[in-house]
Amino acid sequence: MQKQFAFITLLYLLAKIALFVLIWIATIRIQKKAMEAKKRREALRQRQQESANTEKEYIKPEDHPFL
């Protein structure tokens, strides 16, 4: 009975450790994806800002057909 209890306890602890490791791996993957998405958003925002700046440079008030 004592050996069986020790075996069950050992299995329980191993399962707990495995669950912790899986959650830890999933958390790291989620954080990596979040960082990549943040970089993509920042790059897109920067490209949009640059394109808005270049459009402002090219369209001068005297060249605008409706002014």
PDB file of N, CA and C in Angstrom:
ATOM      1  N   MET A   1       0.830  -1.190   0.000  1.00  0.00           N
ATOM      2  CA  MET A   1       0.000   0.000   0.000  1.00  0.00           C
ATOM      3  C   MET A   1       0.874   1.254   0.000  1.00  0.00           C
ATOM      4  N   GLN A   2       1.954   1.196   0.754  1.00  0.00           N
ATOM      5  CA  GLN A   2       2.854   2.345   0.846  1.00  0.00           C
ATOM      6  C   GLN A   2       3.506   2.633  -0.512  1.00  0.00           C
ATOM      7  N   LYS A   3       3.935   1.570  -1.219  1.00  0.00           N
ATOM      8  CA  LYS A   3       4.570   1.749  -2.519  1.00  0.00           C
ATOM      9  C   LYS A   3       3.575   2.291  -3.543  1.00  0.00           C
ATOM     10  N   GLN A   4       2.349   1.808  -3.478  1.00  0.00           N
ATOM     11  CA  GLN A   4       1.332   2.268  -4.410  1.00  0.00           C
ATOM     12  C   GLN A   4       1.047   3.753  -4.179  1.00  0.00           C
ATOM     13  N   PHE A   5       0.966   4.174  -2.929  1.00  0.00           N
ATOM     14  CA  PHE A   5       0.723   5.579  -2.611  1.00  0.00           C
ATOM     15  C   PHE A   5       1.881   6.454  -3.100  1.00  0.00           C
ATOM     16  N   ALA A   6       3.102   5.982  -2.917  1.00  0.00           N
ATOM     17  CA  ALA A   6       4.274   6.732  -3.371  1.00  0.00           C
ATOM     18  C   ALA A   6       4.278   6.847  -4.894  1.00  0.00           C
ATOM     19  N   PHE A   7       3.902   5.788  -5.585  1.00  0.00           N
ATOM     20  CA  PHE A   7       3.851   5.810  -7.044  1.00  0.00           C
ATOM     21  C   PHE A   7       2.802   6.802  -7.537  1.00  0.00           C
ATOM     22  N   ILE A   8       1.626   6.779  -6.915  1.00  0.00           N
ATOM     23  CA  ILE A   8       0.559   7.706  -7.302  1.00  0.00           C
ATOM     24  C   ILE A   8       0.988   9.143  -7.028  1.00  0.00           C
ATOM     25  N   THR A   9       1.630   9.370  -5.903  1.00  0.00           N
ATOM     26  CA  THR A   9       2.110  10.710  -5.572  1.00  0.00           C
ATOM     27  C   THR A   9       3.152  11.174  -6.586  1.00  0.00           C
ATOM     28  N   LEU A  10       4.041  10.288  -6.965  1.00  0.00           N
ATOM     29  CA  LEU A  10       5.059  10.621  -7.956  1.00  0.00           C
ATOM     30  C   LEU A  10       4.421  10.957  -9.305  1.00  0.00           C
ATOM     31  N   LEU A  11       3.447  10.160  -9.715  1.00  0.00           N
ATOM     32  CA  LEU A  11       2.744  10.453 -10.968  1.00  0.00           C
ATOM     33  C   LEU A  11       2.033  11.801 -10.904  1.00  0.00           C
ATOM     34  N   TYR A  12       1.425  12.093  -9.769  1.00  0.00           N
ATOM     35  CA  TYR A  12       0.735  13.371  -9.581  1.00  0.00           C
ATOM     36  C   TYR A  12       1.715  14.536  -9.710  1.00  0.00           C
ATOM     37  N   LEU A  13       2.869  14.415  -9.076  1.00  0.00           N
ATOM     38  CA  LEU A  13       3.865  15.482  -9.153  1.00  0.00           C
ATOM     39  C   LEU A  13       4.403  15.640 -10.573  1.00  0.00           C
ATOM     40  N   LEU A  14       4.630  14.535 -11.253  1.00  0.00           N
ATOM     41  CA  LEU A  14       5.094  14.606 -12.644  1.00  0.00           C
ATOM     42  C   LEU A  14       4.050  15.263 -13.544  1.00  0.00           C
ATOM     43  N   ALA A  15       2.787  14.931 -13.324  1.00  0.00           N
ATOM     44  CA  ALA A  15       1.720  15.548 -14.106  1.00  0.00           C
ATOM     45  C   ALA A  15       1.655  17.050 -13.838  1.00  0.00           C
ATOM     46  N   LYS A  16       1.838  17.439 -12.587  1.00  0.00           N
ATOM     47  CA  LYS A  16       1.824  18.857 -12.239  1.00  0.00           C
ATOM     48  C   LYS A  16       2.976  19.597 -12.910  1.00  0.00           C
ATOM     49  N   ILE A  17       4.151  18.983 -12.897  1.00  0.00           N
ATOM     50  CA  ILE A  17       5.319  19.602 -13.532  1.00  0.00           C
ATOM     51  C   ILE A  17       5.108  19.706 -15.043  1.00  0.00           C
ATOM     52  N   ALA A  18       4.578  18.653 -15.645  1.00  0.00           N
ATOM     53  CA  ALA A  18       4.327  18.668 -17.089  1.00  0.00           C
ATOM     54  C   ALA A  18       3.319  19.755 -17.449  1.00  0.00           C
ATOM     55  N   LEU A  19       2.285  19.897 -16.656  1.00  0.00           N
ATOM     56  CA  LEU A  19       1.289  20.936 -16.907  1.00  0.00           C
ATOM     57  C   LEU A  19       1.917  22.322 -16.786  1.00  0.00           C
ATOM     58  N   PHE A  20       2.742  22.521 -15.781  1.00  0.00           N
ATOM     59  CA  PHE A  20       3.423  23.801 -15.606  1.00  0.00           C
ATOM     60  C   PHE A  20       4.300  24.117 -16.813  1.00  0.00           C
ATOM     61  N   VAL A  21       5.048  23.118 -17.291  1.00  0.00           N
ATOM     62  CA  VAL A  21       5.935  23.330 -18.440  1.00  0.00           C
ATOM     63  C   VAL A  21       5.122  23.654 -19.692  1.00  0.00           C
ATOM     64  N   LEU A  22       4.025  22.962 -19.911  1.00  0.00           N
ATOM     65  CA  LEU A  22       3.190  23.238 -21.085  1.00  0.00           C
ATOM     66  C   LEU A  22       2.607  24.645 -21.034  1.00  0.00           C
ATOM     67  N   ILE A  23       2.137  25.054 -19.872  1.00  0.00           N
ATOM     68  CA  ILE A  23       1.601  26.411 -19.733  1.00  0.00           C
ATOM     69  C   ILE A  23       2.706  27.437 -19.961  1.00  0.00           C
ATOM     70  N   TRP A  24       3.893  27.154 -19.453  1.00  0.00           N
ATOM     71  CA  TRP A  24       5.025  28.059 -19.620  1.00  0.00           C
ATOM     72  C   TRP A  24       5.395  28.201 -21.096  1.00  0.00           C
ATOM     73  N   ILE A  25       5.431  27.087 -21.822  1.00  0.00           N
ATOM     74  CA  ILE A  25       5.749  27.117 -23.254  1.00  0.00           C
ATOM     75  C   ILE A  25       4.679  27.899 -24.018  1.00  0.00           C
ATOM     76  N   ALA A  26       3.417  27.661 -23.695  1.00  0.00           N
ATOM     77  CA  ALA A  26       2.335  28.382 -24.367  1.00  0.00           C
ATOM     78  C   ALA A  26       2.434  29.878 -24.092  1.00  0.00           C
ATOM     79  N   THR A  27       2.765  30.245 -22.874  1.00  0.00           N
ATOM     80  CA  THR A  27       2.897  31.659 -22.526  1.00  0.00           C
ATOM     81  C   THR A  27       4.020  32.310 -23.318  1.00  0.00           C
ATOM     82  N   ILE A  28       5.135  31.618 -23.452  1.00  0.00           N
ATOM     83  CA  ILE A  28       6.257  32.165 -24.221  1.00  0.00           C
ATOM     84  C   ILE A  28       5.863  32.349 -25.683  1.00  0.00           C
ATOM     85  N   ARG A  29       5.162  31.376 -26.244  1.00  0.00           N
ATOM     86  CA  ARG A  29       4.732  31.499 -27.644  1.00  0.00           C
ATOM     87  C   ARG A  29       3.772  32.664 -27.828  1.00  0.00           C
ATOM     88  N   ILE A  30       2.851  32.838 -26.897  1.00  0.00           N
ATOM     89  CA  ILE A  30       1.906  33.953 -26.984  1.00  0.00           C
ATOM     90  C   ILE A  30       2.643  35.279 -26.895  1.00  0.00           C
ATOM     91  N   GLN A  31       3.620  35.368 -26.010  1.00  0.00           N
ATOM     92  CA  GLN A  31       4.389  36.603 -25.877  1.00  0.00           C
ATOM     93  C   GLN A  31       5.185  36.896 -27.147  1.00  0.00           C
ATOM     94  N   LYS A  32       5.750  35.869 -27.767  1.00  0.00           N
ATOM     95  CA  LYS A  32       6.489  36.068 -29.014  1.00  0.00           C
ATOM     96  C   LYS A  32       5.565  36.580 -30.112  1.00  0.00           C
ATOM     97  N   LYS A  33       4.378  35.968 -30.217  1.00  0.00           N
ATOM     98  CA  LYS A  33       3.429  36.412 -31.237  1.00  0.00           C
ATOM     99  C   LYS A  33       2.984  37.845 -30.977  1.00  0.00           C
ATOM    100  N   ALA A  34       2.800  38.201 -29.714  1.00  0.00           N
ATOM    101  CA  ALA A  34       2.400  39.565 -29.375  1.00  0.00           C
ATOM    102  C   ALA A  34       3.499  40.559 -29.742  1.00  0.00           C
ATOM    103  N   MET A  35       4.739  40.200 -29.498  1.00  0.00           N
ATOM    104  CA  MET A  35       5.852  41.090 -29.844  1.00  0.00           C
ATOM    105  C   MET A  35       5.970  41.245 -31.360  1.00  0.00           C
ATOM    106  N   GLU A  36       5.784  40.153 -32.106  1.00  0.00           N
ATOM    107  CA  GLU A  36       5.836  40.236 -33.564  1.00  0.00           C
ATOM    108  C   GLU A  36       4.704  41.108 -34.091  1.00  0.00           C
ATOM    109  N   ALA A  37       3.519  40.958 -33.529  1.00  0.00           N
ATOM    110  CA  ALA A  37       2.385  41.776 -33.951  1.00  0.00           C
ATOM    111  C   ALA A  37       2.641  43.246 -33.628  1.00  0.00           C
ATOM    112  N   LYS A  38       3.232  43.507 -32.485  1.00  0.00           N
ATOM    113  CA  LYS A  38       3.547  44.886 -32.108  1.00  0.00           C
ATOM    114  C   LYS A  38       4.546  45.491 -33.088  1.00  0.00           C
ATOM    115  N   LYS A  39       5.563  44.715 -33.478  1.00  0.00           N
ATOM    116  CA  LYS A  39       6.546  45.202 -34.444  1.00  0.00           C
ATOM    117  C   LYS A  39       5.894  45.470 -35.797  1.00  0.00           C
ATOM    118  N   ARG A  40       4.993  44.555 -36.218  1.00  0.00           N
ATOM    119  CA  ARG A  40       4.305  44.762 -37.498  1.00  0.00           C
ATOM    120  C   ARG A  40       3.438  46.011 -37.462  1.00  0.00           C
ATOM    121  N   ARG A  41       2.706  46.203 -36.349  1.00  0.00           N
ATOM    122  CA  ARG A  41       1.868  47.399 -36.230  1.00  0.00           C
ATOM    123  C   ARG A  41       2.713  48.668 -36.253  1.00  0.00           C
ATOM    124  N   GLU A  42       3.836  48.644 -35.556  1.00  0.00           N
ATOM    125  CA  GLU A  42       4.724  49.808 -35.521  1.00  0.00           C
ATOM    126  C   GLU A  42       5.286  50.097 -36.908  1.00  0.00           C
ATOM    127  N   ALA A  43       5.691  49.061 -37.633  1.00  0.00           N
ATOM    128  CA  ALA A  43       6.219  49.245 -38.987  1.00  0.00           C
ATOM    129  C   ALA A  43       5.135  49.784 -39.918  1.00  0.00           C
ATOM    130  N   LEU A  44       3.930  49.266 -39.799  1.00  0.00           N
ATOM    131  CA  LEU A  44       2.828  49.742 -40.633  1.00  0.00           C
ATOM    132  C   LEU A  44       2.512  51.196 -40.322  1.00  0.00           C
ATOM    133  N   ARG A  45       2.479  51.535 -39.036  1.00  0.00           N
ATOM    134  CA  ARG A  45       2.202  52.912 -38.642  1.00  0.00           C
ATOM    135  C   ARG A  45       3.287  53.843 -39.176  1.00  0.00           C
ATOM    136  N   GLN A  46       4.528  53.401 -39.115  1.00  0.00           N
ATOM    137  CA  GLN A  46       5.628  54.221 -39.606  1.00  0.00           C
ATOM    138  C   GLN A  46       5.538  54.395 -41.125  1.00  0.00           C
ATOM    139  N   ARG A  47       5.198  53.323 -41.845  1.00  0.00           N
ATOM    140  CA  ARG A  47       5.043  53.430 -43.304  1.00  0.00           C
ATOM    141  C   ARG A  47       3.905  54.370 -43.661  1.00  0.00           C
ATOM    142  N   GLN A  48       2.791  54.271 -42.925  1.00  0.00           N
ATOM    143  CA  GLN A  48       1.662  55.157 -43.200  1.00  0.00           C
ATOM    144  C   GLN A  48       2.033  56.606 -42.920  1.00  0.00           C
ATOM    145  N   GLN A  49       2.772  56.819 -41.851  1.00  0.00           N
ATOM    146  CA  GLN A  49       3.186  58.176 -41.514  1.00  0.00           C
ATOM    147  C   GLN A  49       4.145  58.718 -42.573  1.00  0.00           C
ATOM    148  N   GLU A  50       5.071  57.891 -43.041  1.00  0.00           N
ATOM    149  CA  GLU A  50       6.001  58.318 -44.081  1.00  0.00           C
ATOM    150  C   GLU A  50       5.268  58.616 -45.381  1.00  0.00           C
ATOM    151  N   SER A  51       4.298  57.780 -45.739  1.00  0.00           N
ATOM    152  CA  SER A  51       3.561  58.030 -46.976  1.00  0.00           C
ATOM    153  C   SER A  51       2.715  59.289 -46.844  1.00  0.00           C
ATOM    154  N   ALA A  52       2.177  59.558 -45.664  1.00  0.00           N
ATOM    155  CA  ALA A  52       1.412  60.791 -45.454  1.00  0.00           C
ATOM    156  C   ALA A  52       2.336  62.000 -45.559  1.00  0.00           C
ATOM    157  N   ASN A  53       3.545  61.882 -45.048  1.00  0.00           N
ATOM    158  CA  ASN A  53       4.505  62.988 -45.140  1.00  0.00           C
ATOM    159  C   ASN A  53       4.918  63.232 -46.584  1.00  0.00           C
ATOM    160  N   THR A  54       5.128  62.173 -47.358  1.00  0.00           N
ATOM    161  CA  THR A  54       5.536  62.358 -48.749  1.00  0.00           C
ATOM    162  C   THR A  54       4.397  62.945 -49.568  1.00  0.00           C
ATOM    163  N   GLU A  55       3.154  62.568 -49.268  1.00  0.00           N
ATOM    164  CA  GLU A  55       2.021  63.149 -49.979  1.00  0.00           C
ATOM    165  C   GLU A  55       1.926  64.637 -49.691  1.00  0.00           C
ATOM    166  N   LYS A  56       2.173  65.033 -48.462  1.00  0.00           N
ATOM    167  CA  LYS A  56       2.133  66.449 -48.112  1.00  0.00           C
ATOM    168  C   LYS A  56       3.233  67.216 -48.835  1.00  0.00           C
ATOM    169  N   GLU A  57       4.367  66.595 -49.033  1.00  0.00           N
ATOM    170  CA  GLU A  57       5.466  67.263 -49.713  1.00  0.00           C
ATOM    171  C   GLU A  57       5.162  67.467 -51.198  1.00  0.00           C
ATOM    172  N   TYR A  58       4.490  66.525 -51.828  1.00  0.00           N
ATOM    173  CA  TYR A  58       4.265  66.604 -53.263  1.00  0.00           C
ATOM    174  C   TYR A  58       3.107  67.531 -53.631  1.00  0.00           C
ATOM    175  N   ILE A  59       2.094  67.628 -52.804  1.00  0.00           N
ATOM    176  CA  ILE A  59       0.934  68.446 -53.136  1.00  0.00           C
ATOM    177  C   ILE A  59       1.128  69.828 -52.517  1.00  0.00           C
ATOM    178  N   LYS A  60       1.414  70.789 -53.368  1.00  0.00           N
ATOM    179  CA  LYS A  60       1.588  72.170 -52.912  1.00  0.00           C
ATOM    180  C   LYS A  60       0.281  72.916 -53.172  1.00  0.00           C
ATOM    181  N   PRO A  61      -0.017  73.906 -52.387  1.00  0.00           N
ATOM    182  CA  PRO A  61      -1.293  74.623 -52.584  1.00  0.00           C
ATOM    183  C   PRO A  61      -1.428  75.237 -53.976  1.00  0.00           C
ATOM    184  N   GLU A  62      -0.357  75.747 -54.541  1.00  0.00           N
ATOM    185  CA  GLU A  62      -0.472  76.355 -55.881  1.00  0.00           C
ATOM    186  C   GLU A  62      -0.663  75.302 -56.966  1.00  0.00           C
ATOM    187  N   ASP A  63      -0.281  74.071 -56.698  1.00  0.00           N
ATOM    188  CA  ASP A  63      -0.444  72.997 -57.676  1.00  0.00           C
ATOM    189  C   ASP A  63      -1.779  72.276 -57.549  1.00  0.00           C
ATOM    190  N   HIS A  64      -2.503  72.545 -56.482  1.00  0.00           N
ATOM    191  CA  HIS A  64      -3.755  71.815 -56.248  1.00  0.00           C
ATOM    192  C   HIS A  64      -4.822  72.326 -57.209  1.00  0.00           C
ATOM    193  N   PRO A  65      -5.510  71.456 -57.937  1.00  0.00           N
ATOM    194  CA  PRO A  65      -6.462  71.904 -58.966  1.00  0.00           C
ATOM    195  C   PRO A  65      -7.730  72.550 -58.403  1.00  0.00           C
ATOM    196  N   PHE A  66      -8.087  72.280 -57.161  1.00  0.00           N
ATOM    197  CA  PHE A  66      -9.349  72.785 -56.634  1.00  0.00           C
ATOM    198  C   PHE A  66      -9.179  74.026 -55.772  1.00  0.00           C
ATOM    199  N   LEU A  67      -7.981  74.536 -55.644  1.00  0.00           N
ATOM    200  CA  LEU A  67      -7.774  75.722 -54.801  1.00  0.00           C
ATOM    201  C   LEU A  67      -7.584  76.961 -55.623  1.00  0.00           C
TER     202      LEU A  67
END
